[in-house]
Amino acid sequence: MEHGEKHITVVDEDGNEQLCEVLFTFESEEFGKSYVLYYPIGAEEDDNEEIEIHASSFIPGEDGQAGELQPIETEEEWDMIEEMLNTFLGEEEEDEE
């Protein structure tokens, strides 16, 4: 995946491909990684009108090659990602008002 792409294809552990929409990407100097938050296209909202958002770190590809998604490895990374998501969602709500 590349920074700025709007869609990515994610392959699950069973080898199934799923097209996902990128919510946003960011880099963390603290962890020295890039991160992407995304959700499956066509995902159904649950009873609370929420869609499950996924997060991964990624290694950008070189020379136009697709990058590689990596799992989030530590609780500290999850805490930082949650904080970034809350900030992003807060800004989205302000824009709608």
C-alpha atoms as a PDB file:
ATOM      1  CA  MET A   1       0.000   0.000   0.000  1.00  0.00           C
ATOM      2  CA  GLU A   2       1.113   3.565  -0.577  1.00  0.00           C
ATOM      3  CA  HIS A   3       0.482   6.672   1.494  1.00  0.00           C
ATOM      4  CA  GLY A   4      -2.611   8.415   0.202  1.00  0.00           C
ATOM      5  CA  GLU A   5      -4.262   5.370  -1.366  1.00  0.00           C
ATOM      6  CA  LYS A   6      -8.005   5.214  -0.717  1.00  0.00           C
ATOM      7  CA  HIS A   7      -8.447   1.451  -1.076  1.00  0.00           C
ATOM      8  CA  ILE A   8      -6.334  -1.531  -0.118  1.00  0.00           C
ATOM      9  CA  THR A   9      -6.793  -5.247  -0.596  1.00  0.00           C
ATOM     10  CA  VAL A  10      -6.312  -7.228   2.591  1.00  0.00           C
ATOM     11  CA  VAL A  11      -5.710 -10.982   2.500  1.00  0.00           C
ATOM     12  CA  ASP A  12      -6.900 -12.828   5.614  1.00  0.00           C
ATOM     13  CA  GLU A  13      -5.350 -15.942   7.165  1.00  0.00           C
ATOM     14  CA  ASP A  14      -7.538 -18.126   4.918  1.00  0.00           C
ATOM     15  CA  GLY A  15      -6.243 -16.441   1.753  1.00  0.00           C
ATOM     16  CA  ASN A  16      -9.485 -14.530   1.113  1.00  0.00           C
ATOM     17  CA  GLU A  17      -9.072 -11.060  -0.376  1.00  0.00           C
ATOM     18  CA  GLN A  18     -11.187  -8.206   0.912  1.00  0.00           C
ATOM     19  CA  LEU A  19     -11.288  -4.686  -0.513  1.00  0.00           C
ATOM     20  CA  CYS A  20     -11.049  -2.114   2.259  1.00  0.00           C
ATOM     21  CA  GLU A  21     -11.390   1.644   2.398  1.00  0.00           C
ATOM     22  CA  VAL A  22      -8.548   3.536   4.067  1.00  0.00           C
ATOM     23  CA  LEU A  23      -9.780   5.788   6.860  1.00  0.00           C
ATOM     24  CA  PHE A  24      -6.403   7.448   7.374  1.00  0.00           C
ATOM     25  CA  THR A  25      -2.679   6.795   7.596  1.00  0.00           C
ATOM     26  CA  PHE A  26      -0.069   8.268   9.891  1.00  0.00           C
ATOM     27  CA  GLU A  27       3.526   7.797  10.979  1.00  0.00           C
ATOM     28  CA  SER A  28       4.791   7.394  14.522  1.00  0.00           C
ATOM     29  CA  GLU A  29       8.260   8.666  15.345  1.00  0.00           C
ATOM     30  CA  GLU A  30       7.974   6.978  18.754  1.00  0.00           C
ATOM     31  CA  PHE A  31       7.659   3.518  17.186  1.00  0.00           C
ATOM     32  CA  GLY A  32       9.389   4.294  13.873  1.00  0.00           C
ATOM     33  CA  LYS A  33       6.492   2.844  11.873  1.00  0.00           C
ATOM     34  CA  SER A  34       3.704   3.877   9.541  1.00  0.00           C
ATOM     35  CA  TYR A  35       0.131   2.870  10.367  1.00  0.00           C
ATOM     36  CA  VAL A  36      -3.105   2.527   8.437  1.00  0.00           C
ATOM     37  CA  LEU A  37      -6.658   2.417   9.777  1.00  0.00           C
ATOM     38  CA  TYR A  38      -9.217   0.861   7.441  1.00  0.00           C
ATOM     39  CA  TYR A  39     -12.560  -0.910   7.233  1.00  0.00           C
ATOM     40  CA  PRO A  40     -14.040  -3.434   4.787  1.00  0.00           C
ATOM     41  CA  ILE A  41     -16.031  -1.906   1.930  1.00  0.00           C
ATOM     42  CA  GLY A  42     -19.660  -2.926   2.258  1.00  0.00           C
ATOM     43  CA  ALA A  43     -19.295  -3.565   5.992  1.00  0.00           C
ATOM     44  CA  GLU A  44     -22.594  -3.490   7.797  1.00  0.00           C
ATOM     45  CA  GLU A  45     -23.105  -1.066  10.650  1.00  0.00           C
ATOM     46  CA  ASP A  46     -23.928  -2.738  13.940  1.00  0.00           C
ATOM     47  CA  ASP A  47     -26.864  -1.791  16.180  1.00  0.00           C
ATOM     48  CA  ASN A  48     -24.954   1.271  17.403  1.00  0.00           C
ATOM     49  CA  GLU A  49     -24.314   2.438  13.803  1.00  0.00           C
ATOM     50  CA  GLU A  50     -20.634   1.663  14.168  1.00  0.00           C
ATOM     51  CA  ILE A  51     -18.362  -0.080  11.704  1.00  0.00           C
ATOM     52  CA  GLU A  52     -15.457  -2.197  12.929  1.00  0.00           C
ATOM     53  CA  ILE A  53     -12.210  -0.391  12.138  1.00  0.00           C
ATOM     54  CA  HIS A  54      -9.002  -2.367  11.645  1.00  0.00           C
ATOM     55  CA  ALA A  55      -5.446  -1.132  12.175  1.00  0.00           C
ATOM     56  CA  SER A  56      -2.088  -2.387  10.935  1.00  0.00           C
ATOM     57  CA  SER A  57       1.407  -1.099  10.690  1.00  0.00           C
ATOM     58  CA  PHE A  58       2.824  -1.157   7.193  1.00  0.00           C
ATOM     59  CA  ILE A  59       6.127  -1.160   5.418  1.00  0.00           C
ATOM     60  CA  PRO A  60       5.900   1.061   2.314  1.00  0.00           C
ATOM     61  CA  GLY A  61       6.861  -0.611  -0.955  1.00  0.00           C
ATOM     62  CA  GLU A  62       9.796   0.549  -3.028  1.00  0.00           C
ATOM     63  CA  ASP A  63       9.693   1.650  -6.679  1.00  0.00           C
ATOM     64  CA  GLY A  64       5.899   1.575  -6.872  1.00  0.00           C
ATOM     65  CA  GLN A  65       5.576  -1.905  -5.360  1.00  0.00           C
ATOM     66  CA  ALA A  66       2.740  -2.583  -2.917  1.00  0.00           C
ATOM     67  CA  GLY A  67       3.654  -2.306   0.741  1.00  0.00           C
ATOM     68  CA  GLU A  68       3.256  -5.000   3.350  1.00  0.00           C
ATOM     69  CA  LEU A  69       0.779  -4.868   6.254  1.00  0.00           C
ATOM     70  CA  GLN A  70       2.037  -6.019   9.645  1.00  0.00           C
ATOM     71  CA  PRO A  71       0.068  -6.803  12.839  1.00  0.00           C
ATOM     72  CA  ILE A  72       0.151  -4.381  15.764  1.00  0.00           C
ATOM     73  CA  GLU A  73       2.523  -5.936  18.286  1.00  0.00           C
ATOM     74  CA  THR A  74       2.291  -4.055  21.583  1.00  0.00           C
ATOM     75  CA  GLU A  75      -0.299  -2.626  23.950  1.00  0.00           C
ATOM     76  CA  GLU A  76       1.553   0.717  23.752  1.00  0.00           C
ATOM     77  CA  GLU A  77       0.992   0.800  19.978  1.00  0.00           C
ATOM     78  CA  TRP A  78      -2.728   0.026  20.432  1.00  0.00           C
ATOM     79  CA  ASP A  79      -3.030   2.853  22.984  1.00  0.00           C
ATOM     80  CA  MET A  80      -1.360   5.303  20.579  1.00  0.00           C
ATOM     81  CA  ILE A  81      -3.572   4.156  17.666  1.00  0.00           C
ATOM     82  CA  GLU A  82      -6.719   4.522  19.776  1.00  0.00           C
ATOM     83  CA  GLU A  83      -5.686   8.049  20.717  1.00  0.00           C
ATOM     84  CA  MET A  84      -5.059   8.932  17.042  1.00  0.00           C
ATOM     85  CA  LEU A  85      -8.442   7.458  16.051  1.00  0.00           C
ATOM     86  CA  ASN A  86     -10.261   9.416  18.765  1.00  0.00           C
ATOM     87  CA  THR A  87      -8.556  12.618  17.595  1.00  0.00           C
ATOM     88  CA  PHE A  88      -9.468  11.865  13.970  1.00  0.00           C
ATOM     89  CA  LEU A  89     -13.105  11.087  14.810  1.00  0.00           C
ATOM     90  CA  GLY A  90     -13.337  14.226  16.960  1.00  0.00           C
ATOM     91  CA  GLU A  91     -12.153  16.350  14.025  1.00  0.00           C
ATOM     92  CA  GLU A  92     -14.681  14.637  11.714  1.00  0.00           C
ATOM     93  CA  GLU A  93     -17.542  15.521  14.099  1.00  0.00           C
ATOM     94  CA  GLU A  94     -16.395  19.157  14.284  1.00  0.00           C
ATOM     95  CA  ASP A  95     -16.373  19.374  10.480  1.00  0.00           C
ATOM     96  CA  GLU A  96     -19.979  18.134  10.321  1.00  0.00           C
ATOM     97  CA  GLU A  97     -21.317  20.799  12.700  1.00  0.00           C
END
